[in-house]
């Protein structure tokens, strides 16, 4: 098994127990270190996506005021309605927070994935066709009608706790890393660390994330991909 295939297999599933993959890992210290790095990154992403909410949070909101029976009897009943409304609105707001958090995590995960894998696939040009891209998308029930650039790399990868399409394309002399994730973000979003930016767009129960240089046309590329991605029957 060559280095590129070894890396592809681990990116697709960091915990793959296939004997051939395990043998390749055991025969090289470099392979073992790479496998450990992938597993550690996967664990960090998993921890970052977990947001614990105290079980008694709603009770604290509803019952934080005095429980004295006489005081409650004197209090106008509209206060109870307000308290119930606050709890209801809080529930909706919490749901919106979780959606927003997921959107931000898509971009953060994409940036982390880019930095971890960029050196391994830089310079590769597989010259993939749109038919090959759509073949990789088939398990997700999606396909592109057109692509705004030349595809130099295409594979499946582990993206947090789910599998995704990992693609590198060149457009107008710029390289862009593209992820198609089979879970929808609530709204368009982007994140930049000053050097690179990640732009996510929801589309057909999925998300397209484009990573490019901070001053590149990552947003227009993401919008073109969003428009060209269509549902296909699995």
C-alpha atoms as a PDB file:
ATOM      1  CA  UNK A   1       0.000   0.000   0.000  1.00  0.00           C
ATOM      2  CA  UNK A   2       1.581   3.329  -1.059  1.00  0.00           C
ATOM      3  CA  UNK A   3       1.638   6.454   1.121  1.00  0.00           C
ATOM      4  CA  UNK A   4      -1.178   8.225  -0.737  1.00  0.00           C
ATOM      5  CA  UNK A   5      -3.547   5.256  -0.463  1.00  0.00           C
ATOM      6  CA  UNK A   6      -2.621   4.840   3.216  1.00  0.00           C
ATOM      7  CA  UNK A   7      -3.475   8.494   3.930  1.00  0.00           C
ATOM      8  CA  UNK A   8      -6.722   8.284   1.943  1.00  0.00           C
ATOM      9  CA  UNK A   9      -7.877   5.223   3.845  1.00  0.00           C
ATOM     10  CA  UNK A  10      -7.179   6.812   7.221  1.00  0.00           C
ATOM     11  CA  UNK A  11      -8.887  10.065   6.249  1.00  0.00           C
ATOM     12  CA  UNK A  12     -11.978   8.129   5.214  1.00  0.00           C
ATOM     13  CA  UNK A  13     -12.028   6.198   8.513  1.00  0.00           C
ATOM     14  CA  UNK A  14      -9.402   6.870  11.230  1.00  0.00           C
ATOM     15  CA  UNK A  15     -10.499   3.691  13.018  1.00  0.00           C
ATOM     16  CA  UNK A  16     -10.444   1.308  10.032  1.00  0.00           C
ATOM     17  CA  UNK A  17      -9.361  -2.160  11.256  1.00  0.00           C
ATOM     18  CA  UNK A  18      -8.678  -3.606   7.812  1.00  0.00           C
ATOM     19  CA  UNK A  19      -5.643  -5.992   8.136  1.00  0.00           C
ATOM     20  CA  UNK A  20      -3.891  -4.486   5.110  1.00  0.00           C
ATOM     21  CA  UNK A  21      -4.180  -0.975   6.568  1.00  0.00           C
ATOM     22  CA  UNK A  22      -3.025  -2.147   9.996  1.00  0.00           C
ATOM     23  CA  UNK A  23      -0.030  -3.902   8.434  1.00  0.00           C
ATOM     24  CA  UNK A  24       0.954  -0.733   6.572  1.00  0.00           C
ATOM     25  CA  UNK A  25       0.665   1.200   9.825  1.00  0.00           C
ATOM     26  CA  UNK A  26       2.865  -1.273  11.707  1.00  0.00           C
ATOM     27  CA  UNK A  27       5.645  -1.375   9.114  1.00  0.00           C
ATOM     28  CA  UNK A  28       6.459   2.336   9.292  1.00  0.00           C
ATOM     29  CA  UNK A  29       6.963   4.674  12.236  1.00  0.00           C
ATOM     30  CA  UNK A  30       5.940   7.542   9.949  1.00  0.00           C
ATOM     31  CA  UNK A  31       2.675   5.762   9.166  1.00  0.00           C
ATOM     32  CA  UNK A  32       2.049   5.137  12.873  1.00  0.00           C
ATOM     33  CA  UNK A  33       2.679   8.806  13.726  1.00  0.00           C
ATOM     34  CA  UNK A  34       0.335   9.894  10.943  1.00  0.00           C
ATOM     35  CA  UNK A  35      -2.390   7.535  12.196  1.00  0.00           C
ATOM     36  CA  UNK A  36      -1.965   8.886  15.735  1.00  0.00           C
ATOM     37  CA  UNK A  37      -2.240  12.479  14.473  1.00  0.00           C
ATOM     38  CA  UNK A  38      -5.451  11.683  12.547  1.00  0.00           C
ATOM     39  CA  UNK A  39      -7.004   9.971  15.575  1.00  0.00           C
ATOM     40  CA  UNK A  40      -6.033  12.878  17.852  1.00  0.00           C
ATOM     41  CA  UNK A  41      -7.513  15.448  15.426  1.00  0.00           C
ATOM     42  CA  UNK A  42     -10.730  13.420  15.157  1.00  0.00           C
ATOM     43  CA  UNK A  43     -10.970  13.303  18.956  1.00  0.00           C
ATOM     44  CA  UNK A  44     -10.401  17.063  19.318  1.00  0.00           C
ATOM     45  CA  UNK A  45     -13.066  17.851  16.718  1.00  0.00           C
ATOM     46  CA  UNK A  46     -15.499  15.507  18.485  1.00  0.00           C
ATOM     47  CA  UNK A  47     -14.884  17.241  21.817  1.00  0.00           C
ATOM     48  CA  UNK A  48     -15.291  20.696  20.269  1.00  0.00           C
ATOM     49  CA  UNK A  49     -18.708  19.757  18.874  1.00  0.00           C
ATOM     50  CA  UNK A  50     -20.100  18.675  22.220  1.00  0.00           C
ATOM     51  CA  UNK A  51     -21.953  21.416  24.119  1.00  0.00           C
ATOM     52  CA  UNK A  52     -23.390  20.352  27.468  1.00  0.00           C
ATOM     53  CA  UNK A  53     -26.531  22.053  28.744  1.00  0.00           C
ATOM     54  CA  UNK A  54     -27.305  21.730  32.489  1.00  0.00           C
ATOM     55  CA  UNK A  55     -30.298  19.460  33.010  1.00  0.00           C
ATOM     56  CA  UNK A  56     -31.884  21.824  35.563  1.00  0.00           C
ATOM     57  CA  UNK A  57     -31.430  24.986  33.496  1.00  0.00           C
ATOM     58  CA  UNK A  58     -35.143  25.327  32.611  1.00  0.00           C
ATOM     59  CA  UNK A  59     -36.108  24.778  36.276  1.00  0.00           C
ATOM     60  CA  UNK A  60     -33.719  27.494  37.389  1.00  0.00           C
ATOM     61  CA  UNK A  61     -35.274  29.952  34.944  1.00  0.00           C
ATOM     62  CA  UNK A  62     -38.832  29.115  35.941  1.00  0.00           C
ATOM     63  CA  UNK A  63     -38.338  28.763  39.670  1.00  0.00           C
ATOM     64  CA  UNK A  64     -35.469  31.117  40.508  1.00  0.00           C
ATOM     65  CA  UNK A  65     -37.834  33.477  42.334  1.00  0.00           C
ATOM     66  CA  UNK A  66     -39.127  32.819  45.808  1.00  0.00           C
ATOM     67  CA  UNK A  67     -41.334  29.787  46.373  1.00  0.00           C
ATOM     68  CA  UNK A  68     -43.179  31.340  49.264  1.00  0.00           C
ATOM     69  CA  UNK A  69     -46.874  30.553  48.762  1.00  0.00           C
ATOM     70  CA  UNK A  70     -48.093  33.887  50.048  1.00  0.00           C
ATOM     71  CA  UNK A  71     -45.767  35.857  47.809  1.00  0.00           C
ATOM     72  CA  UNK A  72     -46.890  33.878  44.771  1.00  0.00           C
ATOM     73  CA  UNK A  73     -50.509  34.400  45.650  1.00  0.00           C
ATOM     74  CA  UNK A  74     -50.012  38.166  45.697  1.00  0.00           C
ATOM     75  CA  UNK A  75     -48.106  38.219  42.440  1.00  0.00           C
ATOM     76  CA  UNK A  76     -50.248  39.093  39.366  1.00  0.00           C
ATOM     77  CA  UNK A  77     -50.882  36.036  37.190  1.00  0.00           C
ATOM     78  CA  UNK A  78     -49.380  37.697  34.137  1.00  0.00           C
ATOM     79  CA  UNK A  79     -45.985  37.113  35.701  1.00  0.00           C
ATOM     80  CA  UNK A  80     -46.581  33.375  35.268  1.00  0.00           C
ATOM     81  CA  UNK A  81     -47.380  33.920  31.621  1.00  0.00           C
ATOM     82  CA  UNK A  82     -44.166  35.916  31.190  1.00  0.00           C
ATOM     83  CA  UNK A  83     -42.158  33.200  32.921  1.00  0.00           C
ATOM     84  CA  UNK A  84     -43.634  30.557  30.632  1.00  0.00           C
ATOM     85  CA  UNK A  85     -42.962  32.734  27.596  1.00  0.00           C
ATOM     86  CA  UNK A  86     -39.351  33.228  28.662  1.00  0.00           C
ATOM     87  CA  UNK A  87     -38.891  29.465  28.990  1.00  0.00           C
ATOM     88  CA  UNK A  88     -40.437  28.920  25.550  1.00  0.00           C
ATOM     89  CA  UNK A  89     -38.325  31.617  23.895  1.00  0.00           C
ATOM     90  CA  UNK A  90     -35.232  30.300  25.646  1.00  0.00           C
ATOM     91  CA  UNK A  91     -35.898  26.864  24.202  1.00  0.00           C
ATOM     92  CA  UNK A  92     -36.129  28.328  20.703  1.00  0.00           C
ATOM     93  CA  UNK A  93     -33.021  30.453  21.271  1.00  0.00           C
ATOM     94  CA  UNK A  94     -31.102  27.420  22.490  1.00  0.00           C
ATOM     95  CA  UNK A  95     -32.040  25.579  19.324  1.00  0.00           C
ATOM     96  CA  UNK A  96     -30.896  28.535  17.234  1.00  0.00           C
ATOM     97  CA  UNK A  97     -27.651  28.681  19.190  1.00  0.00           C
ATOM     98  CA  UNK A  98     -26.979  25.038  18.482  1.00  0.00           C
ATOM     99  CA  UNK A  99     -27.637  25.592  14.758  1.00  0.00           C
ATOM    100  CA  UNK A 100     -25.270  28.579  14.699  1.00  0.00           C
ATOM    101  CA  UNK A 101     -22.674  26.638  16.653  1.00  0.00           C
ATOM    102  CA  UNK A 102     -22.893  23.795  14.131  1.00  0.00           C
ATOM    103  CA  UNK A 103     -22.441  26.258  11.258  1.00  0.00           C
ATOM    104  CA  UNK A 104     -19.356  27.754  12.868  1.00  0.00           C
ATOM    105  CA  UNK A 105     -18.000  24.276  13.565  1.00  0.00           C
ATOM    106  CA  UNK A 106     -18.339  23.323   9.907  1.00  0.00           C
ATOM    107  CA  UNK A 107     -16.022  26.187   8.986  1.00  0.00           C
ATOM    108  CA  UNK A 108     -13.648  25.562  11.889  1.00  0.00           C
ATOM    109  CA  UNK A 109     -13.483  21.853  11.064  1.00  0.00           C
ATOM    110  CA  UNK A 110     -12.846  22.668   7.399  1.00  0.00           C
ATOM    111  CA  UNK A 111      -9.938  24.970   8.311  1.00  0.00           C
ATOM    112  CA  UNK A 112      -8.436  22.373  10.645  1.00  0.00           C
ATOM    113  CA  UNK A 113      -8.815  19.688   7.973  1.00  0.00           C
ATOM    114  CA  UNK A 114      -7.181  21.941   5.376  1.00  0.00           C
ATOM    115  CA  UNK A 115      -4.115  22.667   7.542  1.00  0.00           C
ATOM    116  CA  UNK A 116      -3.696  19.027   8.511  1.00  0.00           C
ATOM    117  CA  UNK A 117      -3.874  17.621   4.973  1.00  0.00           C
ATOM    118  CA  UNK A 118      -2.615  20.440   2.750  1.00  0.00           C
ATOM    119  CA  UNK A 119       1.036  19.342   2.778  1.00  0.00           C
ATOM    120  CA  UNK A 120       0.151  15.754   1.853  1.00  0.00           C
ATOM    121  CA  UNK A 121      -1.897  16.572  -1.250  1.00  0.00           C
ATOM    122  CA  UNK A 122      -0.161  19.744  -2.439  1.00  0.00           C
ATOM    123  CA  UNK A 123       1.093  19.328  -5.999  1.00  0.00           C
ATOM    124  CA  UNK A 124      -1.171  16.371  -6.778  1.00  0.00           C
ATOM    125  CA  UNK A 125      -3.159  16.682 -10.006  1.00  0.00           C
ATOM    126  CA  UNK A 126      -5.479  13.764 -10.655  1.00  0.00           C
ATOM    127  CA  UNK A 127      -7.286  15.618 -13.437  1.00  0.00           C
ATOM    128  CA  UNK A 128     -10.631  14.327 -12.153  1.00  0.00           C
ATOM    129  CA  UNK A 129     -13.700  14.687 -14.351  1.00  0.00           C
ATOM    130  CA  UNK A 130     -17.145  15.792 -13.189  1.00  0.00           C
ATOM    131  CA  UNK A 131     -18.296  12.188 -13.704  1.00  0.00           C
ATOM    132  CA  UNK A 132     -15.670  11.019 -11.209  1.00  0.00           C
ATOM    133  CA  UNK A 133     -16.710  13.729  -8.769  1.00  0.00           C
ATOM    134  CA  UNK A 134     -20.364  12.729  -9.032  1.00  0.00           C
ATOM    135  CA  UNK A 135     -19.430   9.071  -8.556  1.00  0.00           C
ATOM    136  CA  UNK A 136     -17.915  10.050  -5.193  1.00  0.00           C
ATOM    137  CA  UNK A 137     -21.060  12.045  -4.374  1.00  0.00           C
ATOM    138  CA  UNK A 138     -23.419   9.181  -5.230  1.00  0.00           C
ATOM    139  CA  UNK A 139     -23.544   7.774  -1.637  1.00  0.00           C
ATOM    140  CA  UNK A 140     -24.792  11.210  -0.493  1.00  0.00           C
ATOM    141  CA  UNK A 141     -27.526  11.365  -3.149  1.00  0.00           C
ATOM    142  CA  UNK A 142     -26.040  14.509  -4.693  1.00  0.00           C
ATOM    143  CA  UNK A 143     -24.411  15.538  -7.982  1.00  0.00           C
ATOM    144  CA  UNK A 144     -22.919  18.636  -9.588  1.00  0.00           C
ATOM    145  CA  UNK A 145     -24.311  19.898 -12.904  1.00  0.00           C
ATOM    146  CA  UNK A 146     -21.092  21.857 -13.510  1.00  0.00           C
ATOM    147  CA  UNK A 147     -17.903  22.812 -11.681  1.00  0.00           C
ATOM    148  CA  UNK A 148     -16.268  26.277 -11.652  1.00  0.00           C
ATOM    149  CA  UNK A 149     -12.743  24.951 -12.065  1.00  0.00           C
ATOM    150  CA  UNK A 150     -10.395  22.011 -12.689  1.00  0.00           C
ATOM    151  CA  UNK A 151     -10.477  19.254 -10.061  1.00  0.00           C
ATOM    152  CA  UNK A 152      -6.957  18.204  -9.034  1.00  0.00           C
ATOM    153  CA  UNK A 153      -7.863  15.940  -6.102  1.00  0.00           C
ATOM    154  CA  UNK A 154     -10.999  14.020  -5.107  1.00  0.00           C
ATOM    155  CA  UNK A 155     -11.673  11.590  -2.267  1.00  0.00           C
ATOM    156  CA  UNK A 156     -13.904  10.792   0.688  1.00  0.00           C
ATOM    157  CA  UNK A 157     -12.740  11.942   4.116  1.00  0.00           C
ATOM    158  CA  UNK A 158     -13.689  11.885   7.781  1.00  0.00           C
ATOM    159  CA  UNK A 159     -15.225  15.264   8.631  1.00  0.00           C
ATOM    160  CA  UNK A 160     -15.874  15.374  12.375  1.00  0.00           C
ATOM    161  CA  UNK A 161     -18.282  12.535  13.108  1.00  0.00           C
ATOM    162  CA  UNK A 162     -19.399  12.068   9.508  1.00  0.00           C
ATOM    163  CA  UNK A 163     -17.991  11.267   6.087  1.00  0.00           C
ATOM    164  CA  UNK A 164     -17.698  13.976   3.449  1.00  0.00           C
ATOM    165  CA  UNK A 165     -16.440  14.626  -0.059  1.00  0.00           C
ATOM    166  CA  UNK A 166     -12.969  16.245  -0.095  1.00  0.00           C
ATOM    167  CA  UNK A 167     -12.073  17.990  -3.334  1.00  0.00           C
ATOM    168  CA  UNK A 168      -9.360  20.407  -4.448  1.00  0.00           C
ATOM    169  CA  UNK A 169      -9.994  22.558  -7.494  1.00  0.00           C
ATOM    170  CA  UNK A 170      -8.206  25.348  -9.307  1.00  0.00           C
ATOM    171  CA  UNK A 171     -10.054  28.373 -10.671  1.00  0.00           C
ATOM    172  CA  UNK A 172      -8.466  31.515 -12.153  1.00  0.00           C
ATOM    173  CA  UNK A 173      -5.045  30.490 -10.840  1.00  0.00           C
ATOM    174  CA  UNK A 174      -6.270  29.983  -7.266  1.00  0.00           C
ATOM    175  CA  UNK A 175      -6.545  26.665  -5.431  1.00  0.00           C
ATOM    176  CA  UNK A 176      -9.647  25.948  -3.338  1.00  0.00           C
ATOM    177  CA  UNK A 177     -10.355  23.063  -1.015  1.00  0.00           C
ATOM    178  CA  UNK A 178     -14.008  21.997  -1.168  1.00  0.00           C
ATOM    179  CA  UNK A 179     -15.993  19.824   1.245  1.00  0.00           C
ATOM    180  CA  UNK A 180     -19.511  18.526   0.632  1.00  0.00           C
ATOM    181  CA  UNK A 181     -20.965  17.460   3.979  1.00  0.00           C
ATOM    182  CA  UNK A 182     -24.265  15.512   4.205  1.00  0.00           C
ATOM    183  CA  UNK A 183     -25.731  17.768   6.900  1.00  0.00           C
ATOM    184  CA  UNK A 184     -27.275  21.181   6.360  1.00  0.00           C
ATOM    185  CA  UNK A 185     -26.158  24.355   8.083  1.00  0.00           C
ATOM    186  CA  UNK A 186     -28.957  26.795   8.872  1.00  0.00           C
ATOM    187  CA  UNK A 187     -27.551  29.786   7.005  1.00  0.00           C
ATOM    188  CA  UNK A 188     -24.529  30.931   4.975  1.00  0.00           C
ATOM    189  CA  UNK A 189     -21.492  31.585   7.167  1.00  0.00           C
ATOM    190  CA  UNK A 190     -17.771  32.100   6.967  1.00  0.00           C
ATOM    191  CA  UNK A 191     -14.724  32.077   9.224  1.00  0.00           C
ATOM    192  CA  UNK A 192     -11.244  33.477   8.672  1.00  0.00           C
ATOM    193  CA  UNK A 193      -8.008  33.140  10.642  1.00  0.00           C
ATOM    194  CA  UNK A 194      -6.347  35.988   8.731  1.00  0.00           C
ATOM    195  CA  UNK A 195      -4.520  33.674   6.343  1.00  0.00           C
ATOM    196  CA  UNK A 196      -7.264  31.322   5.135  1.00  0.00           C
ATOM    197  CA  UNK A 197     -11.049  31.579   5.103  1.00  0.00           C
ATOM    198  CA  UNK A 198     -13.779  28.946   5.111  1.00  0.00           C
ATOM    199  CA  UNK A 199     -17.160  29.741   3.537  1.00  0.00           C
ATOM    200  CA  UNK A 200     -20.161  27.437   4.049  1.00  0.00           C
ATOM    201  CA  UNK A 201     -23.429  27.377   2.126  1.00  0.00           C
ATOM    202  CA  UNK A 202     -26.456  25.145   2.866  1.00  0.00           C
ATOM    203  CA  UNK A 203     -27.958  23.272  -0.086  1.00  0.00           C
ATOM    204  CA  UNK A 204     -30.452  20.372  -0.347  1.00  0.00           C
ATOM    205  CA  UNK A 205     -29.966  18.939   3.173  1.00  0.00           C
ATOM    206  CA  UNK A 206     -26.206  19.247   2.775  1.00  0.00           C
ATOM    207  CA  UNK A 207     -23.495  21.892   3.054  1.00  0.00           C
ATOM    208  CA  UNK A 208     -20.781  23.066   0.696  1.00  0.00           C
ATOM    209  CA  UNK A 209     -17.682  24.482   2.403  1.00  0.00           C
ATOM    210  CA  UNK A 210     -14.928  26.196   0.416  1.00  0.00           C
ATOM    211  CA  UNK A 211     -11.515  26.966   1.932  1.00  0.00           C
ATOM    212  CA  UNK A 212      -9.314  29.512   0.175  1.00  0.00           C
ATOM    213  CA  UNK A 213      -6.870  32.293   0.922  1.00  0.00           C
ATOM    214  CA  UNK A 214      -8.324  35.143   2.973  1.00  0.00           C
ATOM    215  CA  UNK A 215      -8.471  37.513  -0.013  1.00  0.00           C
ATOM    216  CA  UNK A 216      -9.522  34.905  -2.577  1.00  0.00           C
ATOM    217  CA  UNK A 217     -12.894  34.443  -4.238  1.00  0.00           C
ATOM    218  CA  UNK A 218     -13.918  31.612  -1.894  1.00  0.00           C
ATOM    219  CA  UNK A 219     -17.414  33.071  -1.389  1.00  0.00           C
ATOM    220  CA  UNK A 220     -18.271  33.317  -5.125  1.00  0.00           C
ATOM    221  CA  UNK A 221     -16.904  29.789  -5.666  1.00  0.00           C
ATOM    222  CA  UNK A 222     -19.090  28.513  -2.797  1.00  0.00           C
ATOM    223  CA  UNK A 223     -22.140  30.221  -4.297  1.00  0.00           C
ATOM    224  CA  UNK A 224     -21.484  28.683  -7.715  1.00  0.00           C
ATOM    225  CA  UNK A 225     -21.097  25.239  -6.196  1.00  0.00           C
ATOM    226  CA  UNK A 226     -24.264  25.789  -4.151  1.00  0.00           C
ATOM    227  CA  UNK A 227     -26.194  26.598  -7.333  1.00  0.00           C
ATOM    228  CA  UNK A 228     -24.781  23.608  -9.222  1.00  0.00           C
ATOM    229  CA  UNK A 229     -25.279  20.933  -6.519  1.00  0.00           C
ATOM    230  CA  UNK A 230     -28.520  19.029  -7.095  1.00  0.00           C
ATOM    231  CA  UNK A 231     -30.223  16.063  -5.387  1.00  0.00           C
ATOM    232  CA  UNK A 232     -29.979  12.664  -7.028  1.00  0.00           C
ATOM    233  CA  UNK A 233     -31.750   9.458  -6.071  1.00  0.00           C
ATOM    234  CA  UNK A 234     -29.463   7.051  -4.229  1.00  0.00           C
END
